[in-house]
N, C-alpha and C. Protein backbone atom coordinates (compact mmCIF):
# COMPACT_ATOMS: atom_id res chain seq x y z
N MET A 1 123.57 122.40 89.16
CA MET A 1 124.15 121.41 89.30
C MET A 1 125.62 122.03 89.55
N SER A 2 126.21 121.71 91.03
CA SER A 2 127.58 122.36 91.49
C SER A 2 128.89 121.93 90.81
N ALA A 3 129.43 122.33 90.46
CA ALA A 3 130.71 121.86 89.82
C ALA A 3 131.75 121.42 90.88
N SER A 4 131.37 121.70 92.33
CA SER A 4 132.78 121.20 93.31
C SER A 4 131.58 120.92 93.95
N PRO A 5 132.36 119.95 95.40
CA PRO A 5 132.01 119.52 96.44
C PRO A 5 131.04 120.50 97.26
N ALA A 6 131.69 121.48 97.52
CA ALA A 6 131.99 122.65 98.08
C ALA A 6 130.32 123.40 98.04
N GLY A 7 129.64 123.40 96.66
CA GLY A 7 128.18 123.41 96.59
C GLY A 7 127.06 122.58 96.95
N ILE A 8 127.58 121.83 97.51
CA ILE A 8 126.84 120.85 97.88
C ILE A 8 126.48 121.15 99.35
N ASN A 9 125.38 121.06 100.05
CA ASN A 9 125.13 121.08 101.40
C ASN A 9 124.24 119.87 101.85
N VAL A 10 124.95 119.21 102.68
CA VAL A 10 124.52 117.49 103.48
C VAL A 10 124.20 117.74 104.99
N GLN A 11 122.84 117.29 105.29
CA GLN A 11 122.32 117.56 106.94
C GLN A 11 121.96 116.26 106.97
N THR A 12 121.90 115.75 108.33
CA THR A 12 121.09 114.65 108.95
C THR A 12 120.16 115.22 109.97
N ASN A 13 119.76 114.48 110.22
CA ASN A 13 118.44 114.80 111.27
C ASN A 13 118.72 114.21 112.82
N ASN A 14 119.76 113.49 112.72
CA ASN A 14 120.77 113.21 113.74
C ASN A 14 122.03 114.20 113.89
N PRO A 15 122.01 115.21 115.03
CA PRO A 15 123.48 115.89 115.54
C PRO A 15 124.78 114.80 115.72
N SER A 16 124.85 113.61 116.29
CA SER A 16 125.97 112.79 116.28
C SER A 16 126.56 112.10 115.04
N ILE A 17 125.60 112.38 113.66
CA ILE A 17 125.94 111.52 112.06
C ILE A 17 126.09 113.02 111.51
N THR A 18 126.98 112.97 111.05
CA THR A 18 127.05 114.48 109.90
C THR A 18 127.23 113.80 108.37
N GLY A 19 127.02 114.67 107.55
CA GLY A 19 127.55 113.88 105.98
C GLY A 19 128.27 115.13 105.33
N SER A 20 129.04 114.55 104.53
CA SER A 20 129.53 115.66 103.42
C SER A 20 129.87 114.63 102.20
N VAL A 21 130.52 115.58 101.43
CA VAL A 21 130.55 115.11 100.04
C VAL A 21 131.93 114.78 99.55
N ALA A 22 132.23 113.58 99.53
CA ALA A 22 133.56 113.36 99.36
C ALA A 22 134.12 113.45 98.15
N SER A 23 133.48 113.60 97.42
CA SER A 23 133.79 113.35 95.69
C SER A 23 132.79 113.84 94.94
N LEU A 24 133.08 114.15 93.85
CA LEU A 24 131.95 114.55 92.82
C LEU A 24 132.80 114.41 91.49
N VAL A 25 132.08 113.48 90.76
CA VAL A 25 132.43 113.38 89.27
C VAL A 25 131.78 112.94 88.61
N ALA A 26 131.60 113.17 87.43
CA ALA A 26 130.59 113.69 86.47
C ALA A 26 129.13 113.77 87.02
N GLY A 27 129.32 114.41 87.56
CA GLY A 27 127.94 114.44 87.95
C GLY A 27 127.43 114.12 89.63
N VAL A 28 128.04 112.86 89.81
CA VAL A 28 127.80 112.00 90.67
C VAL A 28 128.17 112.34 91.85
N ALA A 29 128.02 112.64 93.29
CA ALA A 29 128.60 112.96 94.22
C ALA A 29 128.59 111.77 95.40
N GLN A 30 129.73 111.36 95.79
CA GLN A 30 129.45 110.48 96.60
C GLN A 30 129.56 111.48 98.18
N ILE A 31 128.44 110.41 99.04
CA ILE A 31 128.66 110.97 100.64
C ILE A 31 128.60 110.03 101.21
N GLU A 32 129.66 110.51 102.56
CA GLU A 32 130.25 109.92 103.43
C GLU A 32 129.42 110.52 104.55
N LEU A 33 128.79 109.50 105.38
CA LEU A 33 128.48 109.87 106.87
C LEU A 33 129.09 109.21 107.85
N ALA A 34 129.13 109.92 108.97
CA ALA A 34 130.12 109.68 109.89
C ALA A 34 129.59 110.03 111.23
N GLY A 35 130.33 109.34 112.32
CA GLY A 35 129.85 110.22 113.77
C GLY A 35 129.73 108.85 114.85
N VAL A 36 129.60 109.46 116.27
CA VAL A 36 129.15 108.50 117.22
C VAL A 36 127.94 107.96 117.23
N GLY A 37 126.90 108.79 116.44
CA GLY A 37 125.88 107.99 115.89
C GLY A 37 125.71 106.82 115.67
N PHE A 38 126.48 106.37 114.84
CA PHE A 38 126.18 104.96 114.12
C PHE A 38 127.04 104.16 115.26
N ASN A 39 127.72 104.59 116.84
CA ASN A 39 127.89 103.48 117.13
C ASN A 39 126.78 102.96 118.58
N THR A 40 125.92 102.25 117.53
CA THR A 40 124.83 102.06 118.59
C THR A 40 124.67 99.94 118.64
N VAL A 41 124.06 100.02 120.10
CA VAL A 41 123.95 98.45 119.99
C VAL A 41 123.52 97.44 119.78
N VAL A 42 122.93 96.45 119.54
CA VAL A 42 122.54 94.96 118.90
C VAL A 42 121.41 95.82 119.56
N SER A 43 120.23 95.20 117.99
CA SER A 43 119.04 95.52 118.49
C SER A 43 118.19 95.09 117.64
N ASN A 44 117.17 94.71 117.62
CA ASN A 44 115.55 94.02 116.78
C ASN A 44 115.14 95.21 116.04
N THR A 45 115.17 96.40 117.02
CA THR A 45 114.48 97.36 116.26
C THR A 45 115.55 98.50 115.38
N PRO A 46 115.49 99.33 113.74
CA PRO A 46 116.60 99.14 113.31
C PRO A 46 117.01 100.75 113.50
N TYR A 47 117.68 100.83 113.53
CA TYR A 47 117.72 102.56 113.92
C TYR A 47 117.95 103.03 112.75
N SER A 48 117.46 104.73 112.68
CA SER A 48 117.40 105.29 111.08
C SER A 48 118.23 106.78 110.93
N VAL A 49 118.77 107.30 109.87
CA VAL A 49 119.39 108.29 110.02
C VAL A 49 118.44 109.28 108.44
N THR A 50 117.45 110.48 108.67
CA THR A 50 117.32 111.02 107.15
C THR A 50 118.25 112.08 106.91
N VAL A 51 118.43 111.57 105.68
CA VAL A 51 120.29 112.50 104.76
C VAL A 51 119.37 113.67 103.78
N THR A 52 120.08 114.63 104.01
CA THR A 52 119.23 116.23 103.78
C THR A 52 120.33 116.26 102.19
N VAL A 53 120.24 116.60 101.27
CA VAL A 53 120.92 117.12 100.30
C VAL A 53 120.55 118.29 99.94
N THR A 54 121.03 119.46 99.21
CA THR A 54 120.72 120.33 98.61
C THR A 54 121.90 120.98 97.86
N ASP A 55 121.01 121.12 96.53
CA ASP A 55 122.92 121.26 95.10
C ASP A 55 121.67 122.12 94.58
N SER A 56 122.05 123.52 93.91
CA SER A 56 121.80 124.48 93.31
C SER A 56 120.57 124.78 94.02
N GLY A 57 119.71 124.51 94.88
CA GLY A 57 118.79 125.04 95.31
C GLY A 57 117.31 123.44 95.46
N VAL A 58 117.78 122.45 94.63
CA VAL A 58 116.99 121.68 94.59
C VAL A 58 117.34 120.71 95.79
N THR A 59 116.45 120.58 96.70
CA THR A 59 116.55 119.56 98.08
C THR A 59 116.43 118.40 98.09
N VAL A 60 116.97 117.04 98.27
CA VAL A 60 116.06 115.78 98.03
C VAL A 60 116.31 115.24 99.65
N SER A 61 115.71 114.41 99.96
CA SER A 61 115.95 113.98 101.56
C SER A 61 115.38 112.68 101.14
N GLN A 62 116.26 111.58 102.33
CA GLN A 62 115.88 110.28 101.93
C GLN A 62 116.50 109.38 103.15
N THR A 63 115.74 108.77 103.94
CA THR A 63 116.08 108.01 105.01
C THR A 63 116.63 106.44 104.70
N PHE A 64 117.70 106.51 105.79
CA PHE A 64 118.21 105.06 105.60
C PHE A 64 118.26 104.40 106.90
N MET A 65 118.29 103.23 107.58
CA MET A 65 117.74 102.52 108.37
C MET A 65 119.17 101.66 108.51
N TRP A 66 119.11 101.03 109.24
CA TRP A 66 120.17 99.98 109.61
C TRP A 66 119.93 99.21 110.95
N THR A 67 120.52 98.02 111.19
CA THR A 67 120.04 97.06 112.28
C THR A 67 121.87 96.34 112.93
N VAL A 68 122.14 96.37 113.89
CA VAL A 68 123.22 96.10 114.60
C VAL A 68 122.92 94.83 114.86
N TYR A 69 123.33 93.51 114.01
CA TYR A 69 123.16 92.15 115.12
C TYR A 69 124.45 91.87 116.09
N SER A 70 124.46 90.61 116.74
CA SER A 70 124.80 90.38 117.64
C SER A 70 126.14 89.69 117.10
N ASP A 71 126.17 89.25 116.43
CA ASP A 71 127.59 88.98 115.97
C ASP A 71 128.26 89.59 115.19
N GLY A 72 128.25 91.10 115.10
CA GLY A 72 129.00 92.58 114.16
C GLY A 72 129.05 92.61 113.53
N THR A 73 127.64 92.09 112.60
CA THR A 73 127.47 92.68 111.13
C THR A 73 126.18 93.54 111.43
N MET A 74 126.20 94.05 110.22
CA MET A 74 125.02 95.69 110.14
C MET A 74 124.39 95.03 108.92
N ALA A 75 123.03 95.39 108.96
CA ALA A 75 122.08 95.53 107.72
C ALA A 75 121.98 96.89 107.25
N LEU A 76 122.28 97.48 106.64
CA LEU A 76 122.17 98.92 105.82
C LEU A 76 120.62 99.41 104.50
N LYS A 77 120.03 99.57 104.62
CA LYS A 77 119.06 99.93 103.58
C LYS A 77 118.75 101.99 103.56
N ALA A 78 118.21 102.02 102.26
CA ALA A 78 117.44 102.82 102.14
C ALA A 78 116.06 102.98 102.68
N SER A 79 115.03 103.43 102.55
CA SER A 79 113.91 103.88 103.12
C SER A 79 112.95 102.67 101.73
N ASN A 80 113.45 103.17 100.40
CA ASN A 80 112.87 102.37 99.23
C ASN A 80 113.77 101.18 98.84
N ALA A 81 114.41 100.72 99.49
CA ALA A 81 115.09 99.66 98.83
C ALA A 81 115.23 98.14 99.80
N THR A 82 115.73 97.20 99.31
CA THR A 82 115.94 95.61 99.86
C THR A 82 116.95 96.37 100.90
N PRO A 83 117.15 95.43 101.97
CA PRO A 83 118.07 95.58 102.60
C PRO A 83 119.40 94.97 102.33
N THR A 84 120.94 95.45 102.87
CA THR A 84 121.88 94.57 102.54
C THR A 84 122.58 94.27 103.73
N ARG A 85 123.29 93.26 104.09
CA ARG A 85 123.50 92.58 105.20
C ARG A 85 124.81 92.61 105.02
N LEU A 86 125.31 93.68 105.69
CA LEU A 86 127.01 93.12 105.41
C LEU A 86 127.63 92.79 106.83
N THR A 87 128.58 91.31 105.62
CA THR A 87 129.32 90.03 106.73
C THR A 87 130.14 90.27 107.14
N THR A 88 131.12 90.94 106.94
CA THR A 88 131.93 91.46 107.58
C THR A 88 132.32 91.89 108.23
N ALA A 89 132.22 92.00 110.21
CA ALA A 89 132.51 92.87 111.16
C ALA A 89 133.97 93.71 110.61
N THR A 90 133.65 95.23 111.05
CA THR A 90 135.00 95.87 111.10
C THR A 90 135.25 96.67 111.91
């Protein structure tokens, strides 16, 4: 396991969304995703991004899906999780 964020590689399948390690504390990395790829329009069809993280030769991928509602809120979930609706528009 890497001792610093620089030893962890984060990639996405969307060139308009980048990933980076914001912090690494006690072996837990906080991954930050950012980019214009999240500037999406209201849709009943969920958007998705697959995030791939490599640390010390071990690679793990997870797909995250989100839906943008007409009231400005967003729901986000991992492909194996229950969606969480964020009720405060930012």
